[in-house]
Amino acid sequence: TAKAMHKMNKAVDVPAITKMMAEFEKENMKSEMMQEIMGDAIDDVMEGEENEEEEEKIVNQVLDEIGIDIQGEVPNAPAMGLASEMPVVAEGGKVAVGLGGG
């Protein structure tokens, strides 16, 4: 048994393993800190979703600045059926009508 222990001590480089373990611990701590920072950042972003009214106000302000009035134009949009139900007008002013179908 003493010979086996002596061979094992020669095969295992204790200072190298200690250094490797210290580096692993250091990198593990860095990883945990980055994970915590990213989690905090995500939490901060998610809290901002409660400000939908403020976001809508800002979007409307920008649209007003560039001259787009969504609320005023949408009600004036023509009410049409589906495209498949609409007649197609050819160049000669003739209307193409589908036969049967489904």
N, C-alpha and C. Protein backbone atom coordinates (compact mmCIF):
# COMPACT_ATOMS: atom_id res chain seq x y z
N THR A 1 0.81 -1.20 0.00
CA THR A 1 0.00 0.00 0.00
C THR A 1 0.85 1.27 0.00
N ALA A 2 1.94 1.26 0.64
CA ALA A 2 2.81 2.44 0.66
C ALA A 2 3.34 2.72 -0.73
N LYS A 3 3.67 1.64 -1.48
CA LYS A 3 4.16 1.83 -2.85
C LYS A 3 3.06 2.43 -3.73
N ALA A 4 1.84 1.95 -3.55
CA ALA A 4 0.71 2.48 -4.34
C ALA A 4 0.48 3.95 -4.04
N MET A 5 0.56 4.32 -2.77
CA MET A 5 0.38 5.73 -2.39
C MET A 5 1.50 6.58 -2.98
N HIS A 6 2.73 6.07 -2.96
CA HIS A 6 3.87 6.81 -3.49
C HIS A 6 3.70 7.02 -5.01
N LYS A 7 3.27 5.96 -5.72
CA LYS A 7 3.04 6.07 -7.17
C LYS A 7 1.92 7.06 -7.46
N MET A 8 0.87 7.04 -6.65
CA MET A 8 -0.26 7.94 -6.86
C MET A 8 0.18 9.39 -6.66
N ASN A 9 0.98 9.66 -5.63
CA ASN A 9 1.47 11.02 -5.38
C ASN A 9 2.33 11.51 -6.52
N LYS A 10 3.10 10.63 -7.15
CA LYS A 10 3.93 11.02 -8.29
C LYS A 10 3.06 11.29 -9.52
N ALA A 11 1.97 10.51 -9.69
CA ALA A 11 1.10 10.65 -10.86
C ALA A 11 0.24 11.90 -10.79
N VAL A 12 -0.12 12.31 -9.58
CA VAL A 12 -1.02 13.45 -9.42
C VAL A 12 -0.19 14.69 -9.05
N ASP A 13 -0.35 15.73 -9.86
CA ASP A 13 0.35 16.99 -9.60
C ASP A 13 -0.56 17.88 -8.76
N VAL A 14 -0.39 17.83 -7.45
CA VAL A 14 -1.27 18.53 -6.52
C VAL A 14 -1.26 20.04 -6.75
N PRO A 15 -0.11 20.69 -6.91
CA PRO A 15 -0.14 22.15 -7.15
C PRO A 15 -0.90 22.52 -8.42
N ALA A 16 -0.76 21.70 -9.48
CA ALA A 16 -1.48 22.00 -10.72
C ALA A 16 -2.98 21.84 -10.52
N ILE A 17 -3.39 20.81 -9.80
CA ILE A 17 -4.82 20.61 -9.53
C ILE A 17 -5.36 21.74 -8.67
N THR A 18 -4.58 22.18 -7.68
CA THR A 18 -5.01 23.28 -6.82
C THR A 18 -5.18 24.56 -7.63
N LYS A 19 -4.22 24.82 -8.53
CA LYS A 19 -4.31 26.01 -9.39
C LYS A 19 -5.54 25.92 -10.30
N MET A 20 -5.78 24.73 -10.87
CA MET A 20 -6.92 24.53 -11.76
C MET A 20 -8.23 24.74 -11.01
N MET A 21 -8.30 24.25 -9.78
CA MET A 21 -9.51 24.42 -8.98
C MET A 21 -9.73 25.89 -8.64
N ALA A 22 -8.66 26.62 -8.35
CA ALA A 22 -8.79 28.05 -8.04
C ALA A 22 -9.29 28.82 -9.27
N GLU A 23 -8.77 28.48 -10.46
CA GLU A 23 -9.22 29.13 -11.69
C GLU A 23 -10.69 28.80 -11.97
N PHE A 24 -11.07 27.55 -11.74
CA PHE A 24 -12.45 27.15 -11.94
C PHE A 24 -13.38 27.94 -11.01
N GLU A 25 -12.99 28.06 -9.75
CA GLU A 25 -13.80 28.80 -8.79
C GLU A 25 -13.94 30.27 -9.21
N LYS A 26 -12.83 30.86 -9.68
CA LYS A 26 -12.85 32.25 -10.13
C LYS A 26 -13.80 32.42 -11.33
N GLU A 27 -13.69 31.53 -12.32
CA GLU A 27 -14.56 31.61 -13.50
C GLU A 27 -16.01 31.33 -13.14
N ASN A 28 -16.23 30.44 -12.21
CA ASN A 28 -17.59 30.13 -11.76
C ASN A 28 -18.22 31.35 -11.10
N MET A 29 -17.45 32.06 -10.30
CA MET A 29 -17.96 33.29 -9.66
C MET A 29 -18.29 34.35 -10.71
N LYS A 30 -17.43 34.49 -11.73
CA LYS A 30 -17.71 35.43 -12.82
C LYS A 30 -19.02 35.07 -13.51
N SER A 31 -19.19 33.78 -13.78
CA SER A 31 -20.40 33.32 -14.46
C SER A 31 -21.64 33.61 -13.63
N GLU A 32 -21.57 33.37 -12.33
CA GLU A 32 -22.72 33.64 -11.46
C GLU A 32 -23.04 35.13 -11.43
N MET A 33 -22.00 35.99 -11.40
CA MET A 33 -22.24 37.43 -11.41
C MET A 33 -22.89 37.88 -12.71
N MET A 34 -22.40 37.34 -13.84
CA MET A 34 -22.99 37.70 -15.13
C MET A 34 -24.44 37.24 -15.21
N GLN A 35 -24.72 36.06 -14.69
CA GLN A 35 -26.08 35.54 -14.69
C GLN A 35 -26.98 36.45 -13.86
N GLU A 36 -26.48 36.91 -12.72
CA GLU A 36 -27.27 37.80 -11.87
C GLU A 36 -27.50 39.15 -12.54
N ILE A 37 -26.47 39.67 -13.20
CA ILE A 37 -26.60 40.96 -13.90
C ILE A 37 -27.61 40.85 -15.03
N MET A 38 -27.52 39.76 -15.81
CA MET A 38 -28.47 39.57 -16.91
C MET A 38 -29.89 39.39 -16.38
N GLY A 39 -30.04 38.66 -15.28
CA GLY A 39 -31.36 38.49 -14.69
C GLY A 39 -31.95 39.82 -14.23
N ASP A 40 -31.11 40.65 -13.62
CA ASP A 40 -31.57 41.98 -13.18
C ASP A 40 -31.96 42.84 -14.38
N ALA A 41 -31.15 42.77 -15.44
CA ALA A 41 -31.46 43.56 -16.64
C ALA A 41 -32.78 43.12 -17.25
N ILE A 42 -33.01 41.82 -17.32
CA ILE A 42 -34.26 41.31 -17.88
C ILE A 42 -35.44 41.73 -17.00
N ASP A 43 -35.25 41.66 -15.67
CA ASP A 43 -36.32 42.09 -14.77
C ASP A 43 -36.64 43.57 -14.96
N ASP A 44 -35.60 44.40 -15.15
CA ASP A 44 -35.82 45.83 -15.37
C ASP A 44 -36.60 46.07 -16.66
N VAL A 45 -36.28 45.31 -17.71
CA VAL A 45 -36.98 45.47 -18.98
C VAL A 45 -38.43 45.03 -18.85
N MET A 46 -38.66 43.94 -18.15
CA MET A 46 -40.02 43.43 -18.00
C MET A 46 -40.89 44.39 -17.18
N GLU A 47 -40.29 45.10 -16.23
CA GLU A 47 -41.06 46.07 -15.45
C GLU A 47 -41.54 47.21 -16.33
N GLY A 48 -40.81 47.51 -17.39
CA GLY A 48 -41.17 48.60 -18.28
C GLY A 48 -42.40 48.32 -19.11
N GLU A 49 -42.83 47.07 -19.20
CA GLU A 49 -43.99 46.73 -20.00
C GLU A 49 -45.28 47.27 -19.41
N GLU A 50 -45.25 47.67 -18.14
CA GLU A 50 -46.44 48.20 -17.50
C GLU A 50 -46.75 49.63 -17.95
N ASN A 51 -45.84 50.23 -18.67
CA ASN A 51 -46.01 51.62 -19.11
C ASN A 51 -46.57 51.70 -20.53
N GLU A 52 -47.55 50.88 -20.84
CA GLU A 52 -48.11 50.86 -22.19
C GLU A 52 -48.75 52.19 -22.56
N GLU A 53 -49.39 52.84 -21.60
CA GLU A 53 -50.03 54.13 -21.89
C GLU A 53 -48.98 55.16 -22.28
N GLU A 54 -47.85 55.16 -21.57
CA GLU A 54 -46.78 56.11 -21.89
C GLU A 54 -46.19 55.79 -23.26
N GLU A 55 -46.01 54.50 -23.57
CA GLU A 55 -45.50 54.11 -24.88
C GLU A 55 -46.44 54.55 -25.98
N GLU A 56 -47.74 54.35 -25.78
CA GLU A 56 -48.72 54.74 -26.79
C GLU A 56 -48.70 56.26 -26.99
N LYS A 57 -48.54 57.00 -25.91
CA LYS A 57 -48.48 58.46 -25.99
C LYS A 57 -47.26 58.88 -26.82
N ILE A 58 -46.12 58.24 -26.60
CA ILE A 58 -44.91 58.58 -27.34
C ILE A 58 -45.06 58.22 -28.81
N VAL A 59 -45.62 57.04 -29.09
CA VAL A 59 -45.82 56.63 -30.48
C VAL A 59 -46.75 57.60 -31.19
N ASN A 60 -47.84 57.98 -30.54
CA ASN A 60 -48.78 58.94 -31.15
C ASN A 60 -48.11 60.29 -31.38
N GLN A 61 -47.24 60.70 -30.46
CA GLN A 61 -46.53 61.97 -30.62
C GLN A 61 -45.62 61.92 -31.85
N VAL A 62 -44.91 60.81 -32.02
CA VAL A 62 -44.03 60.66 -33.18
C VAL A 62 -44.85 60.63 -34.46
N LEU A 63 -45.95 59.89 -34.46
CA LEU A 63 -46.79 59.83 -35.65
C LEU A 63 -47.37 61.19 -35.99
N ASP A 64 -47.73 61.97 -34.97
CA ASP A 64 -48.23 63.33 -35.21
C ASP A 64 -47.14 64.20 -35.82
N GLU A 65 -45.91 64.02 -35.34
CA GLU A 65 -44.80 64.82 -35.85
C GLU A 65 -44.52 64.54 -37.32
N ILE A 66 -44.71 63.29 -37.74
CA ILE A 66 -44.44 62.97 -39.15
C ILE A 66 -45.71 63.04 -39.99
N GLY A 67 -46.81 63.44 -39.39
CA GLY A 67 -48.03 63.71 -40.15
C GLY A 67 -48.91 62.50 -40.41
N ILE A 68 -48.86 61.52 -39.58
CA ILE A 68 -49.71 60.34 -39.76
C ILE A 68 -50.75 60.34 -38.66
N ASP A 69 -52.02 60.25 -39.10
CA ASP A 69 -53.12 60.21 -38.13
C ASP A 69 -53.83 58.87 -38.30
N ILE A 70 -53.41 57.89 -37.54
CA ILE A 70 -53.97 56.54 -37.68
C ILE A 70 -55.44 56.52 -37.30
N GLN A 71 -55.78 57.13 -36.19
CA GLN A 71 -57.15 57.07 -35.71
C GLN A 71 -58.11 57.78 -36.66
N GLY A 72 -57.65 58.81 -37.32
CA GLY A 72 -58.50 59.54 -38.25
C GLY A 72 -58.68 58.83 -39.57
N GLU A 73 -57.70 58.05 -40.01
CA GLU A 73 -57.75 57.43 -41.32
C GLU A 73 -58.40 56.05 -41.31
N VAL A 74 -58.30 55.33 -40.25
CA VAL A 74 -58.82 53.97 -40.22
C VAL A 74 -60.34 53.93 -40.37
N PRO A 75 -61.12 54.79 -39.70
CA PRO A 75 -62.57 54.72 -39.88
C PRO A 75 -63.00 55.02 -41.31
N ASN A 76 -62.22 55.77 -42.09
CA ASN A 76 -62.58 56.13 -43.45
C ASN A 76 -62.19 55.05 -44.45
N ALA A 77 -61.57 54.00 -43.99
CA ALA A 77 -61.15 52.93 -44.89
C ALA A 77 -62.39 52.24 -45.44
N PRO A 78 -62.39 51.91 -46.74
CA PRO A 78 -63.56 51.25 -47.32
C PRO A 78 -63.75 49.86 -46.73
N ALA A 79 -64.99 49.50 -46.54
CA ALA A 79 -65.32 48.17 -46.01
C ALA A 79 -65.53 47.25 -47.19
N MET A 80 -64.63 46.34 -47.41
CA MET A 80 -64.70 45.42 -48.54
C MET A 80 -64.75 44.00 -48.02
N GLY A 81 -65.22 43.13 -48.85
CA GLY A 81 -65.23 41.71 -48.51
C GLY A 81 -63.86 41.12 -48.74
N LEU A 82 -63.80 39.81 -48.71
CA LEU A 82 -62.55 39.13 -48.96
C LEU A 82 -62.14 39.32 -50.41
N ALA A 83 -60.87 39.22 -50.68
CA ALA A 83 -60.35 39.39 -52.03
C ALA A 83 -60.94 38.34 -52.97
N SER A 84 -61.21 37.15 -52.45
CA SER A 84 -61.75 36.10 -53.31
C SER A 84 -63.19 36.39 -53.71
N GLU A 85 -63.88 37.25 -52.96
CA GLU A 85 -65.26 37.60 -53.27
C GLU A 85 -65.35 38.82 -54.18
N MET A 86 -64.26 39.55 -54.34
CA MET A 86 -64.28 40.78 -55.12
C MET A 86 -64.10 40.48 -56.60
N PRO A 87 -64.85 41.18 -57.47
CA PRO A 87 -64.68 40.97 -58.91
C PRO A 87 -63.36 41.59 -59.38
N VAL A 88 -62.77 41.00 -60.39
CA VAL A 88 -61.53 41.50 -60.95
C VAL A 88 -61.85 42.22 -62.24
N VAL A 89 -61.38 43.47 -62.36
CA VAL A 89 -61.66 44.27 -63.55
C VAL A 89 -60.46 44.16 -64.48
N ALA A 90 -60.71 43.75 -65.72
CA ALA A 90 -59.64 43.63 -66.71
C ALA A 90 -59.41 44.98 -67.36
N GLU A 91 -58.40 45.08 -68.23
CA GLU A 91 -58.06 46.36 -68.87
C GLU A 91 -59.22 46.92 -69.69
N GLY A 92 -60.00 46.11 -70.32
CA GLY A 92 -61.08 46.57 -71.18
C GLY A 92 -62.32 46.98 -70.40
N GLY A 93 -62.23 47.01 -69.07
CA GLY A 93 -63.37 47.39 -68.26
C GLY A 93 -64.32 46.24 -68.00
N LYS A 94 -63.92 45.03 -68.43
CA LYS A 94 -64.77 43.87 -68.20
C LYS A 94 -64.46 43.28 -66.83
N VAL A 95 -65.50 42.72 -66.24
CA VAL A 95 -65.36 42.12 -64.91
C VAL A 95 -65.27 40.62 -65.06
N ALA A 96 -64.23 40.05 -64.47
CA ALA A 96 -64.10 38.59 -64.50
C ALA A 96 -64.89 38.02 -63.34
N VAL A 97 -65.74 37.05 -63.63
CA VAL A 97 -66.57 36.44 -62.61
C VAL A 97 -66.23 34.96 -62.54
N GLY A 98 -65.99 34.48 -61.33
CA GLY A 98 -65.65 33.07 -61.15
C GLY A 98 -66.90 32.20 -61.26
N LEU A 99 -66.75 31.02 -61.76
CA LEU A 99 -67.84 30.08 -61.87
C LEU A 99 -67.77 29.07 -60.73
N GLY A 100 -68.83 28.99 -59.98
CA GLY A 100 -68.86 28.01 -58.91
C GLY A 100 -67.63 28.13 -58.04
N GLY A 101 -67.17 27.04 -57.53
CA GLY A 101 -65.91 27.07 -56.77
C GLY A 101 -66.18 26.84 -55.32
N GLY A 102 -65.10 26.69 -54.70
CA GLY A 102 -65.33 26.49 -53.29
C GLY A 102 -64.15 26.07 -52.65
